Protein backbone atom coordinates (compact mmCIF):
# COMPACT_ATOMS: atom_id res chain seq x y z
CA MET A 1 -6.26 13.33 -0.81
CA PRO A 2 -7.72 10.53 -3.07
CA THR A 3 -9.52 8.35 -0.90
CA ILE A 4 -12.27 6.04 -0.73
CA ARG A 5 -13.84 7.82 1.72
CA SER A 6 -14.93 10.76 -0.40
CA ALA A 7 -14.48 11.57 -4.16
CA LYS A 8 -15.58 15.14 -4.28
CA ASN A 9 -13.25 18.08 -4.27
CA MET A 10 -10.37 15.76 -5.84
CA LYS A 11 -9.30 18.40 -8.92
CA ASN A 12 -5.89 18.99 -8.56
CA THR A 13 -4.09 21.69 -10.58
CA ASN A 14 -0.77 20.91 -9.03
CA PRO A 15 1.74 21.05 -12.51
CA ALA A 16 4.45 19.12 -10.97
CA GLN A 17 3.19 15.64 -12.23
CA GLY A 18 6.07 13.13 -12.49
CA ARG A 19 8.41 15.07 -10.24
CA PRO A 20 11.47 12.84 -9.08
CA PRO A 21 10.68 11.62 -5.55
CA GLU A 22 11.78 14.24 -2.87
CA ALA A 23 13.67 11.86 -0.14
CA PRO A 24 15.07 9.19 -2.62
CA LEU A 25 16.18 6.03 -0.85
CA ARG A 26 18.20 3.21 -1.75
CA ALA A 27 16.25 0.38 -3.49
CA ALA A 28 15.04 -2.46 -0.84
CA PRO A 29 16.89 -5.81 -2.73
CA ARG A 30 14.65 -8.31 -4.23
CA SER A 31 15.08 -11.45 -2.85
CA ASP A 32 14.92 -13.23 -6.49
CA ILE A 33 17.84 -11.13 -7.47
CA VAL A 34 20.19 -11.22 -4.33
CA GLY A 35 19.26 -14.69 -3.33
CA THR A 36 18.94 -13.59 -0.01
CA GLY A 37 15.75 -15.99 0.57
CA THR A 38 13.83 -13.06 2.36
CA PRO A 39 11.23 -11.30 0.46
CA THR A 40 10.78 -7.38 0.60
CA ILE A 41 7.60 -5.48 0.59
CA SER A 42 6.96 -2.08 -0.28
CA LEU A 43 3.95 0.03 0.96
CA CYS A 44 2.24 1.94 -1.64
CA MET A 45 0.10 4.80 -0.72
CA ILE A 46 -2.15 7.64 -2.82
CA VAL A 47 -2.73 10.34 -0.37
CA LYS A 48 -4.17 14.02 -0.30
CA ASN A 49 -4.43 15.96 2.80
CA GLU A 50 -4.48 12.97 4.92
CA GLU A 51 -2.66 14.97 8.03
CA LYS A 52 -5.38 13.51 10.49
CA PHE A 53 -4.98 10.02 9.61
CA LEU A 54 -1.40 9.12 8.08
CA PRO A 55 0.66 9.20 11.07
CA THR A 56 -1.73 6.38 12.62
CA CYS A 57 -1.44 4.41 9.17
CA LEU A 58 2.08 4.84 9.00
CA GLU A 59 3.37 3.95 12.47
CA SER A 60 1.29 0.91 12.28
CA ILE A 61 3.57 -0.67 9.49
CA LYS A 62 6.82 1.28 9.61
CA ASP A 63 8.76 -1.49 11.07
CA TYR A 64 7.54 -3.90 8.95
CA VAL A 65 7.89 -2.90 5.29
CA ASP A 66 10.99 -2.06 3.41
CA GLU A 67 9.95 1.13 1.79
CA ILE A 68 7.26 3.20 1.77
CA ILE A 69 6.09 4.75 -1.71
CA ILE A 70 3.67 7.80 -1.53
CA VAL A 71 1.87 9.30 -4.21
CA ASP A 72 0.35 12.71 -3.33
CA THR A 73 -2.03 14.32 -5.49
CA GLY A 74 -2.23 18.26 -4.13
CA SER A 75 -1.96 18.05 -0.41
CA THR A 76 -2.06 21.36 1.03
CA ASP A 77 -1.57 20.40 4.58
CA SER A 78 1.16 18.81 6.37
CA THR A 79 0.86 15.63 4.63
CA VAL A 80 4.34 15.54 2.52
CA GLU A 81 6.07 16.47 5.78
CA ILE A 82 4.83 13.60 7.83
CA ALA A 83 5.81 11.22 5.27
CA ARG A 84 8.53 12.51 4.81
CA ARG A 85 9.47 11.82 8.79
CA TYR A 86 8.70 8.36 7.82
CA ASN A 87 11.31 8.32 5.34
CA ALA A 88 8.79 7.72 2.65
CA LYS A 89 9.81 7.75 -1.20
CA ILE A 90 7.35 10.91 -2.16
CA TYR A 91 6.19 11.50 -5.61
CA HIS A 92 3.70 14.30 -6.58
CA HIS A 93 1.26 13.45 -9.56
CA ALA A 94 -1.82 15.39 -10.37
CA TRP A 95 -5.05 14.23 -10.01
CA GLU A 96 -6.75 12.60 -12.86
CA ASN A 97 -10.10 11.72 -11.44
CA SER A 98 -9.26 8.22 -11.25
CA PHE A 99 -8.22 6.39 -8.10
CA SER A 100 -6.78 3.74 -10.35
CA LYS A 101 -4.70 5.93 -12.50
CA ALA A 102 -3.18 7.33 -8.92
CA ARG A 103 -2.87 3.89 -7.51
CA ASN A 104 -0.85 2.44 -10.68
CA HIS A 105 1.22 5.47 -10.24
CA SER A 106 2.25 4.35 -6.67
CA LEU A 107 2.90 0.87 -7.80
CA LYS A 108 5.48 1.59 -10.67
CA TYR A 109 7.72 3.22 -8.11
CA ALA A 110 7.84 0.04 -6.17
CA THR A 111 10.88 -1.99 -5.74
CA CYS A 112 10.50 -4.78 -3.81
CA ASP A 113 9.18 -8.52 -4.54
CA TRP A 114 5.52 -8.04 -2.55
CA ILE A 115 3.28 -4.58 -2.42
CA LEU A 116 0.81 -3.79 0.38
CA TRP A 117 -1.46 -1.06 -0.73
CA LEU A 118 -3.09 0.94 2.03
CA ASP A 119 -5.50 4.08 2.30
CA ALA A 120 -4.51 6.62 4.85
CA ASP A 121 -7.25 5.91 7.03
CA GLU A 122 -6.41 1.96 7.62
CA GLU A 123 -3.88 0.62 9.59
CA VAL A 124 -2.64 -2.66 10.28
CA ASP A 125 -3.56 -4.34 13.93
CA LYS A 126 -0.52 -3.91 16.06
CA LYS A 127 -0.91 -7.14 17.28
CA ASP A 128 -0.94 -8.61 13.63
CA ALA A 129 1.80 -6.21 11.78
CA TYR A 130 4.72 -8.71 12.39
CA LYS A 131 3.07 -11.52 10.74
CA LEU A 132 3.46 -9.76 7.06
CA LYS A 133 6.82 -10.87 6.84
CA LYS A 134 5.73 -14.54 7.20
CA VAL A 135 3.01 -14.38 5.04
CA ILE A 136 4.82 -13.40 1.90
CA LYS A 137 7.53 -16.29 2.06
CA ASP A 138 6.76 -18.87 -0.28
CA PRO A 139 6.20 -22.36 1.05
CA VAL A 140 9.17 -24.61 1.25
CA GLU A 141 9.32 -27.94 -0.72
CA CYS A 142 7.91 -30.02 1.83
CA GLU A 143 4.95 -27.95 2.55
CA THR A 144 1.64 -28.39 0.56
CA ALA A 145 0.89 -24.80 0.83
CA PRO A 146 0.32 -23.20 -2.75
CA ARG A 147 2.97 -20.45 -4.16
CA ALA A 148 0.21 -17.57 -3.90
CA ASN A 149 0.52 -14.42 -5.94
CA ALA A 150 -1.96 -12.19 -3.73
CA ILE A 151 -2.75 -12.26 -0.02
CA TYR A 152 -6.55 -11.54 1.64
CA LEU A 153 -6.09 -9.65 4.82
CA GLN A 154 -9.17 -9.27 7.13
CA MET A 155 -10.70 -5.94 6.76
CA LEU A 156 -12.62 -4.30 10.04
CA ASP A 157 -15.64 -2.15 9.24
CA LYS A 158 -15.34 -0.60 12.61
CA SER A 159 -18.27 1.73 14.08
CA VAL A 160 -17.81 5.27 15.96
CA GLU A 161 -17.09 3.41 19.12
CA GLY A 162 -14.22 1.83 17.73
CA GLN A 163 -15.70 -1.54 17.69
CA SER A 164 -15.74 -3.85 14.94
CA ASP A 165 -19.17 -4.41 13.24
CA SER A 166 -18.12 -6.31 10.26
CA ILE A 167 -15.18 -8.23 8.53
CA MET A 168 -14.70 -8.50 5.12
CA ASN A 169 -11.55 -9.93 3.04
CA SER A 170 -9.76 -7.97 0.65
CA ARG A 171 -6.45 -8.45 -1.40
CA LYS A 172 -4.28 -5.86 -0.17
CA ILE A 173 -0.69 -7.76 -0.73
CA PHE A 174 0.46 -9.22 -4.21
CA ARG A 175 3.07 -10.02 -5.77
CA ASN A 176 5.34 -7.04 -7.72
CA HIS A 177 6.79 -7.44 -11.12
CA LEU A 178 3.91 -9.26 -12.80
CA GLY A 179 1.74 -6.66 -14.15
CA PHE A 180 -0.68 -6.51 -11.44
CA HIS A 181 -2.67 -3.08 -11.52
CA PHE A 182 -5.82 -1.24 -10.48
CA GLU A 183 -8.79 -0.94 -12.68
CA GLY A 184 -11.83 1.27 -12.00
CA ILE A 185 -12.07 5.15 -11.51
CA VAL A 186 -13.89 5.39 -8.36
CA HIS A 187 -14.35 1.77 -7.26
CA ASN A 188 -11.31 0.50 -8.08
CA TYR A 189 -10.08 -3.08 -7.84
CA LEU A 190 -7.19 -5.10 -8.01
CA LYS A 191 -6.53 -6.99 -11.11
CA CYS A 192 -4.42 -10.19 -10.77
CA SER A 193 -4.18 -13.89 -11.45
CA GLY A 194 -3.04 -16.92 -9.99
CA PRO A 195 -3.27 -18.61 -6.61
CA THR A 196 -4.47 -16.76 -3.30
CA LYS A 197 -4.18 -17.21 0.33
CA MET A 198 -5.93 -15.79 3.43
CA ALA A 199 -3.75 -14.32 6.14
CA ASP A 200 -4.88 -13.75 9.63
CA ILE A 201 -3.93 -9.95 9.62
CA ARG A 202 -6.49 -7.45 10.54
CA VAL A 203 -6.32 -4.13 9.09
């Protein structure tokens, strides 16, 4: 799998680049189109041979996102079958030696108002996951908070014993349909503009 943990063994000769989704679902409605006032959120991931981590990741978030987008770059284990159990939209793209290219493939399939991106070895804290729907709501007229384009979450760097050694903030949620994308081959970063805000959500 393409993951930040290790960039080795990432070559993929899978010829099925750009295949249609294996489990297409009806697109989640965009709130700005249907006027529901309730914003929607897509989870976007890139994976390869992540059967060990993927269930925990998806279990932590499945009830709080409107669609799950999985781009698989050549798994040979049960990763795709696991994703299918969570009703994910699965796409296959050959590994192109670039994490940003793989991530950007996942973004183009997202249909919701917002995008949350995670790696397979990450999970949203079960005590905080319910806050996702709240933080993506725009402030009402009486509120002074800015209308953010990206949201920082708290990334916990856990030790072997499971204790949190350090905390850093990362833009893990951002508005869709604004052309935001990833750049960088290995150490990729989100290129976006506009105001941001912090959220008390731990990953």
